[in-house]
Amino acid sequence: MHSGIRRATTLRNNFGYSLGLAALAFASFGCQTDVIDYPLDPQQVGQVDADLVLRTYNAHRERLEVRVAKQGLDPKEKDRLLREFLKTYTDTTDTGNIPIEKAYQYADMFRLAGDWKTAENLYGASVKWAEGRKDYDRFTNDALRQAWCLAELGQVKPALALARRTYTVPPAAKAPILFAVLYEITPAARGKGEDKELAKLIADACAQHVQVRVDPASASGQALIQGRAYHMRVAMNTVIELYGNDARNPEARELVGDIATLLATERRF
């Protein structure tokens, strides 16, 4: 499946293109129009640099979100414009000529454009590469994203199994697990025949979350610590929902009790 992705160290672009795209990224979008300008024609520059495209995308997204909040732009129109922007680049991307170490960036580009299948293939290639290198951060992030793609594609059992594989990584690489399981994989997987297994995955993700070790003096560390109780309460409510909102169901009560115990234990430290 992934054999077409070759190992390489550089993209087929040039310095002028990279510099031009980076320089134009923040100036190309007019705040009074519903049209996103394209910094350069991808047909003329060969393989695009996913990192630069994603930075341009994020700049456009931030501008459009301001317009949604202050100027009444329809959120659906915002999403359409952003997908259209990315599709211009995904349509011209040669997925057989992507450096394996950058496959995850191209996967992000295809995922945001709504091409779940291509994104899944690219994340899968990156997962294998990261696993071989024992790059646990890359493995965790990309395996969770691949699982999300699989769930979106209706392959829920493989998605849950893949997500659970990330539970074996060292504590320093566990930070993304709960958030990905709860807010990305769960919405894509629920209602597709595996809700009880999904509930167990969420409860076990909470157990992974309390193993995360961060620098409490850092801003990111503080944010994670302060948000733990909130996200674990969301997890408890989601487990109950996955059991048909039956809080008296014995299995649901056991899973919720496990999460509550973790939360109480965490508060003592």
C-alpha atoms as a PDB file:
ATOM      1  CA  MET A   1       0.000   0.000   0.000  1.00  0.00           C
ATOM      2  CA  HIS A   2       2.739   2.399   0.898  1.00  0.00           C
ATOM      3  CA  SER A   3       5.480   1.225  -1.462  1.00  0.00           C
ATOM      4  CA  GLY A   4       4.993   4.200  -3.766  1.00  0.00           C
ATOM      5  CA  ILE A   5       6.289   6.600  -1.146  1.00  0.00           C
ATOM      6  CA  ARG A   6       9.990   6.824  -1.708  1.00  0.00           C
ATOM      7  CA  ARG A   7      12.697   7.794   0.721  1.00  0.00           C
ATOM      8  CA  ALA A   8      14.067  11.222  -0.117  1.00  0.00           C
ATOM      9  CA  THR A   9      15.575  14.185   1.612  1.00  0.00           C
ATOM     10  CA  THR A  10      14.377  17.082  -0.533  1.00  0.00           C
ATOM     11  CA  LEU A  11      11.263  18.149  -2.374  1.00  0.00           C
ATOM     12  CA  ARG A  12      11.168  19.093  -6.024  1.00  0.00           C
ATOM     13  CA  ASN A  13      10.853  22.803  -5.382  1.00  0.00           C
ATOM     14  CA  ASN A  14      13.226  25.735  -5.528  1.00  0.00           C
ATOM     15  CA  PHE A  15      14.250  28.457  -3.159  1.00  0.00           C
ATOM     16  CA  GLY A  16      12.386  31.098  -5.109  1.00  0.00           C
ATOM     17  CA  TYR A  17       9.145  29.157  -4.804  1.00  0.00           C
ATOM     18  CA  SER A  18       9.597  28.469  -1.095  1.00  0.00           C
ATOM     19  CA  LEU A  19      10.451  32.069  -0.319  1.00  0.00           C
ATOM     20  CA  GLY A  20       7.671  33.380  -2.510  1.00  0.00           C
ATOM     21  CA  LEU A  21       5.017  31.196  -0.925  1.00  0.00           C
ATOM     22  CA  ALA A  22       6.166  32.025   2.584  1.00  0.00           C
ATOM     23  CA  ALA A  23       6.267  35.758   1.862  1.00  0.00           C
ATOM     24  CA  LEU A  24       2.903  35.851   0.137  1.00  0.00           C
ATOM     25  CA  ALA A  25       1.107  33.576   2.557  1.00  0.00           C
ATOM     26  CA  PHE A  26      -0.024  36.330   4.888  1.00  0.00           C
ATOM     27  CA  ALA A  27      -0.608  39.007   2.277  1.00  0.00           C
ATOM     28  CA  SER A  28      -2.580  37.067  -0.287  1.00  0.00           C
ATOM     29  CA  PHE A  29      -5.975  36.989   1.424  1.00  0.00           C
ATOM     30  CA  GLY A  30      -8.177  40.072   1.335  1.00  0.00           C
ATOM     31  CA  CYS A  31     -10.362  40.407   4.425  1.00  0.00           C
ATOM     32  CA  GLN A  32     -13.225  41.945   2.435  1.00  0.00           C
ATOM     33  CA  THR A  33     -13.654  39.092  -0.027  1.00  0.00           C
ATOM     34  CA  ASP A  34     -14.891  35.532   0.105  1.00  0.00           C
ATOM     35  CA  VAL A  35     -12.188  34.417  -2.318  1.00  0.00           C
ATOM     36  CA  ILE A  36      -8.878  32.966  -1.193  1.00  0.00           C
ATOM     37  CA  ASP A  37      -5.990  33.928  -3.423  1.00  0.00           C
ATOM     38  CA  TYR A  38      -3.407  31.285  -4.294  1.00  0.00           C
ATOM     39  CA  PRO A  39       0.175  32.475  -3.771  1.00  0.00           C
ATOM     40  CA  LEU A  40       1.561  30.543  -6.747  1.00  0.00           C
ATOM     41  CA  ASP A  41       0.165  28.240  -9.384  1.00  0.00           C
ATOM     42  CA  PRO A  42       1.007  24.677  -8.265  1.00  0.00           C
ATOM     43  CA  GLN A  43       0.913  23.589 -11.899  1.00  0.00           C
ATOM     44  CA  GLN A  44       4.009  25.693 -12.531  1.00  0.00           C
ATOM     45  CA  VAL A  45       6.168  24.729  -9.556  1.00  0.00           C
ATOM     46  CA  GLY A  46       5.999  20.931  -9.488  1.00  0.00           C
ATOM     47  CA  GLN A  47       5.694  19.196  -6.127  1.00  0.00           C
ATOM     48  CA  VAL A  48       4.443  21.604  -3.494  1.00  0.00           C
ATOM     49  CA  ASP A  49       5.926  21.939  -0.018  1.00  0.00           C
ATOM     50  CA  ALA A  50       3.232  20.682   2.374  1.00  0.00           C
ATOM     51  CA  ASP A  51       4.660  22.610   5.317  1.00  0.00           C
ATOM     52  CA  LEU A  52       4.350  25.920   3.487  1.00  0.00           C
ATOM     53  CA  VAL A  53       0.900  25.080   2.168  1.00  0.00           C
ATOM     54  CA  LEU A  54      -0.271  24.227   5.692  1.00  0.00           C
ATOM     55  CA  ARG A  55       1.127  27.473   7.067  1.00  0.00           C
ATOM     56  CA  THR A  56      -0.710  29.363   4.350  1.00  0.00           C
ATOM     57  CA  TYR A  57      -3.852  27.386   5.157  1.00  0.00           C
ATOM     58  CA  ASN A  58      -3.578  28.288   8.851  1.00  0.00           C
ATOM     59  CA  ALA A  59      -3.168  31.976   8.016  1.00  0.00           C
ATOM     60  CA  HIS A  60      -6.295  31.860   5.848  1.00  0.00           C
ATOM     61  CA  ARG A  61      -8.191  29.899   8.504  1.00  0.00           C
ATOM     62  CA  GLU A  62      -7.425  32.475  11.187  1.00  0.00           C
ATOM     63  CA  ARG A  63      -8.568  35.325   8.932  1.00  0.00           C
ATOM     64  CA  LEU A  64     -11.764  33.509   8.018  1.00  0.00           C
ATOM     65  CA  GLU A  65     -12.537  32.681  11.648  1.00  0.00           C
ATOM     66  CA  VAL A  66     -12.347  36.396  12.433  1.00  0.00           C
ATOM     67  CA  ARG A  67     -14.827  36.999   9.626  1.00  0.00           C
ATOM     68  CA  VAL A  68     -17.137  34.311  11.001  1.00  0.00           C
ATOM     69  CA  ALA A  69     -17.049  35.961  14.423  1.00  0.00           C
ATOM     70  CA  LYS A  70     -17.249  39.616  13.380  1.00  0.00           C
ATOM     71  CA  GLN A  71     -18.609  39.846   9.845  1.00  0.00           C
ATOM     72  CA  GLY A  72     -21.183  37.096   9.658  1.00  0.00           C
ATOM     73  CA  LEU A  73     -19.398  34.727   7.294  1.00  0.00           C
ATOM     74  CA  ASP A  74     -21.212  31.387   7.235  1.00  0.00           C
ATOM     75  CA  PRO A  75     -18.994  28.730   8.906  1.00  0.00           C
ATOM     76  CA  LYS A  76     -19.911  26.297   6.123  1.00  0.00           C
ATOM     77  CA  GLU A  77     -18.643  28.795   3.563  1.00  0.00           C
ATOM     78  CA  LYS A  78     -15.429  29.145   5.557  1.00  0.00           C
ATOM     79  CA  ASP A  79     -14.941  25.382   5.465  1.00  0.00           C
ATOM     80  CA  ARG A  80     -15.710  25.244   1.737  1.00  0.00           C
ATOM     81  CA  LEU A  81     -13.169  27.949   0.942  1.00  0.00           C
ATOM     82  CA  LEU A  82     -10.466  26.237   2.965  1.00  0.00           C
ATOM     83  CA  ARG A  83     -11.098  22.837   1.380  1.00  0.00           C
ATOM     84  CA  GLU A  84     -11.081  24.438  -2.060  1.00  0.00           C
ATOM     85  CA  PHE A  85      -7.752  26.092  -1.286  1.00  0.00           C
ATOM     86  CA  LEU A  86      -6.148  22.810  -0.214  1.00  0.00           C
ATOM     87  CA  LYS A  87      -7.666  20.839  -3.076  1.00  0.00           C
ATOM     88  CA  THR A  88      -5.798  23.047  -5.528  1.00  0.00           C
ATOM     89  CA  TYR A  89      -2.570  21.631  -4.073  1.00  0.00           C
ATOM     90  CA  THR A  90      -3.657  18.069  -3.321  1.00  0.00           C
ATOM     91  CA  ASP A  91      -4.817  17.673  -6.921  1.00  0.00           C
ATOM     92  CA  THR A  92      -1.271  18.334  -8.139  1.00  0.00           C
ATOM     93  CA  THR A  93       0.626  16.404  -5.458  1.00  0.00           C
ATOM     94  CA  ASP A  94       2.455  13.297  -6.624  1.00  0.00           C
ATOM     95  CA  THR A  95       1.951  10.969  -3.662  1.00  0.00           C
ATOM     96  CA  GLY A  96       4.518   8.579  -5.122  1.00  0.00           C
ATOM     97  CA  ASN A  97       7.222  11.224  -4.818  1.00  0.00           C
ATOM     98  CA  ILE A  98       6.888  12.289  -1.193  1.00  0.00           C
ATOM     99  CA  PRO A  99       9.834  12.142   1.242  1.00  0.00           C
ATOM    100  CA  ILE A 100       8.897   9.568   3.860  1.00  0.00           C
ATOM    101  CA  GLU A 101       9.980  11.845   6.710  1.00  0.00           C
ATOM    102  CA  LYS A 102       7.470  14.437   5.492  1.00  0.00           C
ATOM    103  CA  ALA A 103       4.619  12.035   4.727  1.00  0.00           C
ATOM    104  CA  TYR A 104       2.675  13.146   7.808  1.00  0.00           C
ATOM    105  CA  GLN A 105       2.575  16.754   6.569  1.00  0.00           C
ATOM    106  CA  TYR A 106       1.131  15.694   3.232  1.00  0.00           C
ATOM    107  CA  ALA A 107      -1.290  13.448   5.126  1.00  0.00           C
ATOM    108  CA  ASP A 108      -2.437  16.495   7.101  1.00  0.00           C
ATOM    109  CA  MET A 109      -2.970  18.369   3.846  1.00  0.00           C
ATOM    110  CA  PHE A 110      -5.116  15.597   2.342  1.00  0.00           C
ATOM    111  CA  ARG A 111      -7.052  15.081   5.596  1.00  0.00           C
ATOM    112  CA  LEU A 112      -7.939  18.750   5.855  1.00  0.00           C
ATOM    113  CA  ALA A 113      -9.020  18.662   2.204  1.00  0.00           C
ATOM    114  CA  GLY A 114     -11.399  15.806   3.060  1.00  0.00           C
ATOM    115  CA  ASP A 115      -9.497  13.057   1.222  1.00  0.00           C
ATOM    116  CA  TRP A 116      -9.531  10.539   4.061  1.00  0.00           C
ATOM    117  CA  LYS A 117      -8.286   7.605   1.998  1.00  0.00           C
ATOM    118  CA  THR A 118      -5.128   9.273   0.712  1.00  0.00           C
ATOM    119  CA  ALA A 119      -4.487  10.714   4.166  1.00  0.00           C
ATOM    120  CA  GLU A 120      -4.856   7.253   5.716  1.00  0.00           C
ATOM    121  CA  ASN A 121      -2.317   5.784   3.304  1.00  0.00           C
ATOM    122  CA  LEU A 122       0.200   8.541   4.006  1.00  0.00           C
ATOM    123  CA  TYR A 123      -0.222   8.373   7.783  1.00  0.00           C
ATOM    124  CA  GLY A 124       0.225   4.604   7.543  1.00  0.00           C
ATOM    125  CA  ALA A 125       3.526   5.040   5.744  1.00  0.00           C
ATOM    126  CA  SER A 126       4.691   7.528   8.358  1.00  0.00           C
ATOM    127  CA  VAL A 127       3.636   5.204  11.193  1.00  0.00           C
ATOM    128  CA  LYS A 128       5.764   2.363   9.802  1.00  0.00           C
ATOM    129  CA  TRP A 129       8.720   4.688   9.307  1.00  0.00           C
ATOM    130  CA  ALA A 130       8.439   6.182  12.812  1.00  0.00           C
ATOM    131  CA  GLU A 131       8.024   2.765  14.409  1.00  0.00           C
ATOM    132  CA  GLY A 132      11.178   1.530  12.717  1.00  0.00           C
ATOM    133  CA  ARG A 133      13.107   4.527  14.015  1.00  0.00           C
ATOM    134  CA  LYS A 134      11.567   4.304  17.504  1.00  0.00           C
ATOM    135  CA  ASP A 135      10.335   7.862  17.062  1.00  0.00           C
ATOM    136  CA  TYR A 136       7.562   7.545  19.630  1.00  0.00           C
ATOM    137  CA  ASP A 137       6.214  11.082  19.282  1.00  0.00           C
ATOM    138  CA  ARG A 138       5.826  10.742  15.526  1.00  0.00           C
ATOM    139  CA  PHE A 139       4.396   7.224  15.889  1.00  0.00           C
ATOM    140  CA  THR A 140       1.800   8.302  18.450  1.00  0.00           C
ATOM    141  CA  ASN A 141       0.592  11.342  16.551  1.00  0.00           C
ATOM    142  CA  ASP A 142       0.415   9.626  13.183  1.00  0.00           C
ATOM    143  CA  ALA A 143      -1.101   6.363  14.428  1.00  0.00           C
ATOM    144  CA  LEU A 144      -3.884   8.329  16.120  1.00  0.00           C
ATOM    145  CA  ARG A 145      -4.471  10.346  12.952  1.00  0.00           C
ATOM    146  CA  GLN A 146      -4.473   7.180  10.848  1.00  0.00           C
ATOM    147  CA  ALA A 147      -7.007   5.674  13.253  1.00  0.00           C
ATOM    148  CA  TRP A 148      -9.173   8.768  12.826  1.00  0.00           C
ATOM    149  CA  CYS A 149      -9.041   8.354   9.043  1.00  0.00           C
ATOM    150  CA  LEU A 150      -9.928   4.673   9.310  1.00  0.00           C
ATOM    151  CA  ALA A 151     -12.941   5.519  11.480  1.00  0.00           C
ATOM    152  CA  GLU A 152     -14.083   8.136   8.972  1.00  0.00           C
ATOM    153  CA  LEU A 153     -13.799   5.479   6.263  1.00  0.00           C
ATOM    154  CA  GLY A 154     -16.002   3.099   8.274  1.00  0.00           C
ATOM    155  CA  GLN A 155     -13.168   0.774   9.303  1.00  0.00           C
ATOM    156  CA  VAL A 156     -13.878   1.135  13.000  1.00  0.00           C
ATOM    157  CA  LYS A 157     -12.414  -2.124  14.343  1.00  0.00           C
ATOM    158  CA  PRO A 158      -8.983  -1.498  12.766  1.00  0.00           C
ATOM    159  CA  ALA A 159      -9.199   2.118  13.906  1.00  0.00           C
ATOM    160  CA  LEU A 160      -9.728   1.181  17.549  1.00  0.00           C
ATOM    161  CA  ALA A 161      -7.020  -1.487  17.418  1.00  0.00           C
ATOM    162  CA  LEU A 162      -4.529   0.977  15.956  1.00  0.00           C
ATOM    163  CA  ALA A 163      -5.377   3.662  18.497  1.00  0.00           C
ATOM    164  CA  ARG A 164      -4.836   1.156  21.298  1.00  0.00           C
ATOM    165  CA  ARG A 165      -1.336   0.414  19.983  1.00  0.00           C
ATOM    166  CA  THR A 166      -0.308   3.919  21.033  1.00  0.00           C
ATOM    167  CA  TYR A 167      -0.999   2.983  24.663  1.00  0.00           C
ATOM    168  CA  THR A 168       2.352   1.171  24.786  1.00  0.00           C
ATOM    169  CA  VAL A 169       4.516   4.236  24.112  1.00  0.00           C
ATOM    170  CA  PRO A 170       6.628   5.799  26.894  1.00  0.00           C
ATOM    171  CA  PRO A 171       4.913   8.387  29.148  1.00  0.00           C
ATOM    172  CA  ALA A 172       6.651  11.292  27.412  1.00  0.00           C
ATOM    173  CA  ALA A 173       4.829  10.434  24.163  1.00  0.00           C
ATOM    174  CA  LYS A 174       1.354   9.832  25.633  1.00  0.00           C
ATOM    175  CA  ALA A 175       0.103  13.437  25.702  1.00  0.00           C
ATOM    176  CA  PRO A 176      -1.956  13.340  22.474  1.00  0.00           C
ATOM    177  CA  ILE A 177      -3.787  10.088  23.255  1.00  0.00           C
ATOM    178  CA  LEU A 178      -6.842  11.200  25.238  1.00  0.00           C
ATOM    179  CA  PHE A 179      -7.507  14.253  23.110  1.00  0.00           C
ATOM    180  CA  ALA A 180      -7.285  12.295  19.848  1.00  0.00           C
ATOM    181  CA  VAL A 181      -9.427   9.431  21.123  1.00  0.00           C
ATOM    182  CA  LEU A 182     -12.062  11.676  22.688  1.00  0.00           C
ATOM    183  CA  TYR A 183     -12.346  14.508  20.182  1.00  0.00           C
ATOM    184  CA  GLU A 184     -11.250  13.022  16.846  1.00  0.00           C
ATOM    185  CA  ILE A 185     -11.680   9.249  16.775  1.00  0.00           C
ATOM    186  CA  THR A 186     -14.864   9.060  18.865  1.00  0.00           C
ATOM    187  CA  PRO A 187     -16.998  11.398  16.701  1.00  0.00           C
ATOM    188  CA  ALA A 188     -15.886   9.485  13.600  1.00  0.00           C
ATOM    189  CA  ALA A 189     -16.379   6.007  15.101  1.00  0.00           C
ATOM    190  CA  ARG A 190     -19.530   6.262  17.212  1.00  0.00           C
ATOM    191  CA  GLY A 191     -22.716   4.731  15.911  1.00  0.00           C
ATOM    192  CA  LYS A 192     -20.867   2.330  13.615  1.00  0.00           C
ATOM    193  CA  GLY A 193     -21.311  -0.891  15.553  1.00  0.00           C
ATOM    194  CA  GLU A 194     -18.426  -0.693  18.011  1.00  0.00           C
ATOM    195  CA  ASP A 195     -19.677   1.754  20.629  1.00  0.00           C
ATOM    196  CA  LYS A 196     -18.935  -0.481  23.620  1.00  0.00           C
ATOM    197  CA  GLU A 197     -15.366  -1.069  22.484  1.00  0.00           C
ATOM    198  CA  LEU A 198     -15.078   2.652  21.844  1.00  0.00           C
ATOM    199  CA  ALA A 199     -16.223   3.345  25.412  1.00  0.00           C
ATOM    200  CA  LYS A 200     -13.517   1.011  26.720  1.00  0.00           C
ATOM    201  CA  LEU A 201     -10.949   2.742  24.521  1.00  0.00           C
ATOM    202  CA  ILE A 202     -11.940   6.092  26.054  1.00  0.00           C
ATOM    203  CA  ALA A 203     -11.712   4.798  29.627  1.00  0.00           C
ATOM    204  CA  ASP A 204      -8.297   3.310  28.927  1.00  0.00           C
ATOM    205  CA  ALA A 205      -7.221   6.563  27.265  1.00  0.00           C
ATOM    206  CA  CYS A 206      -7.917   8.304  30.569  1.00  0.00           C
ATOM    207  CA  ALA A 207      -5.556   5.842  32.257  1.00  0.00           C
ATOM    208  CA  GLN A 208      -2.956   6.776  29.660  1.00  0.00           C
ATOM    209  CA  HIS A 209      -3.578  10.470  30.253  1.00  0.00           C
ATOM    210  CA  VAL A 210      -2.694  10.364  33.936  1.00  0.00           C
ATOM    211  CA  GLN A 211       0.645   8.773  33.025  1.00  0.00           C
ATOM    212  CA  VAL A 212       1.661  11.801  30.961  1.00  0.00           C
ATOM    213  CA  ARG A 213       4.570  13.637  32.529  1.00  0.00           C
ATOM    214  CA  VAL A 214       5.072  17.286  31.692  1.00  0.00           C
ATOM    215  CA  ASP A 215       7.062  20.222  32.997  1.00  0.00           C
ATOM    216  CA  PRO A 216       4.629  21.881  35.445  1.00  0.00           C
ATOM    217  CA  ALA A 217       6.530  25.151  35.093  1.00  0.00           C
ATOM    218  CA  SER A 218       5.876  25.360  31.342  1.00  0.00           C
ATOM    219  CA  ALA A 219       2.770  26.915  29.820  1.00  0.00           C
ATOM    220  CA  SER A 220       1.899  23.712  27.970  1.00  0.00           C
ATOM    221  CA  GLY A 221       2.431  21.656  31.114  1.00  0.00           C
ATOM    222  CA  GLN A 222       0.183  23.940  33.138  1.00  0.00           C
ATOM    223  CA  ALA A 223      -2.510  23.785  30.466  1.00  0.00           C
ATOM    224  CA  LEU A 224      -2.480  19.996  30.421  1.00  0.00           C
ATOM    225  CA  ILE A 225      -2.574  19.669  34.206  1.00  0.00           C
ATOM    226  CA  GLN A 226      -5.343  22.239  34.633  1.00  0.00           C
ATOM    227  CA  GLY A 227      -7.438  20.688  31.880  1.00  0.00           C
ATOM    228  CA  ARG A 228      -7.227  17.079  33.040  1.00  0.00           C
ATOM    229  CA  ALA A 229     -10.328  17.118  35.229  1.00  0.00           C
ATOM    230  CA  TYR A 230     -12.445  18.737  32.528  1.00  0.00           C
ATOM    231  CA  HIS A 231     -11.455  16.305  29.786  1.00  0.00           C
ATOM    232  CA  MET A 232     -11.886  13.287  32.022  1.00  0.00           C
ATOM    233  CA  ARG A 233     -15.395  14.456  32.948  1.00  0.00           C
ATOM    234  CA  VAL A 234     -16.140  14.769  29.231  1.00  0.00           C
ATOM    235  CA  ALA A 235     -14.839  11.215  28.886  1.00  0.00           C
ATOM    236  CA  MET A 236     -17.202   9.954  31.607  1.00  0.00           C
ATOM    237  CA  ASN A 237     -20.201  11.608  29.948  1.00  0.00           C
ATOM    238  CA  THR A 238     -19.195  10.228  26.559  1.00  0.00           C
ATOM    239  CA  VAL A 239     -18.940   6.693  27.934  1.00  0.00           C
ATOM    240  CA  ILE A 240     -22.499   6.974  29.263  1.00  0.00           C
ATOM    241  CA  GLU A 241     -23.698   8.296  25.900  1.00  0.00           C
ATOM    242  CA  LEU A 242     -22.100   5.336  24.137  1.00  0.00           C
ATOM    243  CA  TYR A 243     -24.175   3.043  26.350  1.00  0.00           C
ATOM    244  CA  GLY A 244     -27.371   4.706  25.166  1.00  0.00           C
ATOM    245  CA  ASN A 245     -27.345   7.294  27.965  1.00  0.00           C
ATOM    246  CA  ASP A 246     -28.042   4.478  30.417  1.00  0.00           C
ATOM    247  CA  ALA A 247     -25.978   5.470  33.446  1.00  0.00           C
ATOM    248  CA  ARG A 248     -27.240   2.388  35.285  1.00  0.00           C
ATOM    249  CA  ASN A 249     -25.758  -0.044  32.782  1.00  0.00           C
ATOM    250  CA  PRO A 250     -23.263  -2.173  34.776  1.00  0.00           C
ATOM    251  CA  GLU A 251     -20.520  -1.932  32.145  1.00  0.00           C
ATOM    252  CA  ALA A 252     -20.957   1.817  31.797  1.00  0.00           C
ATOM    253  CA  ARG A 253     -20.906   2.267  35.576  1.00  0.00           C
ATOM    254  CA  GLU A 254     -17.704   0.250  35.847  1.00  0.00           C
ATOM    255  CA  LEU A 255     -15.942   2.297  33.170  1.00  0.00           C
ATOM    256  CA  VAL A 256     -17.132   5.598  34.619  1.00  0.00           C
ATOM    257  CA  GLY A 257     -16.044   4.416  38.060  1.00  0.00           C
ATOM    258  CA  ASP A 258     -12.590   3.600  36.724  1.00  0.00           C
ATOM    259  CA  ILE A 259     -12.252   7.110  35.292  1.00  0.00           C
ATOM    260  CA  ALA A 260     -13.541   8.688  38.513  1.00  0.00           C
ATOM    261  CA  THR A 261     -10.966   6.715  40.509  1.00  0.00           C
ATOM    262  CA  LEU A 262      -8.193   7.920  38.219  1.00  0.00           C
ATOM    263  CA  LEU A 263      -9.377  11.491  38.598  1.00  0.00           C
ATOM    264  CA  ALA A 264      -9.563  11.246  42.388  1.00  0.00           C
ATOM    265  CA  THR A 265      -6.096   9.700  42.539  1.00  0.00           C
ATOM    266  CA  GLU A 266      -4.689  12.405  40.276  1.00  0.00           C
ATOM    267  CA  ARG A 267      -6.086  15.161  42.499  1.00  0.00           C
ATOM    268  CA  ARG A 268      -4.146  13.817  45.487  1.00  0.00           C
ATOM    269  CA  PHE A 269      -0.807  14.545  43.795  1.00  0.00           C
END
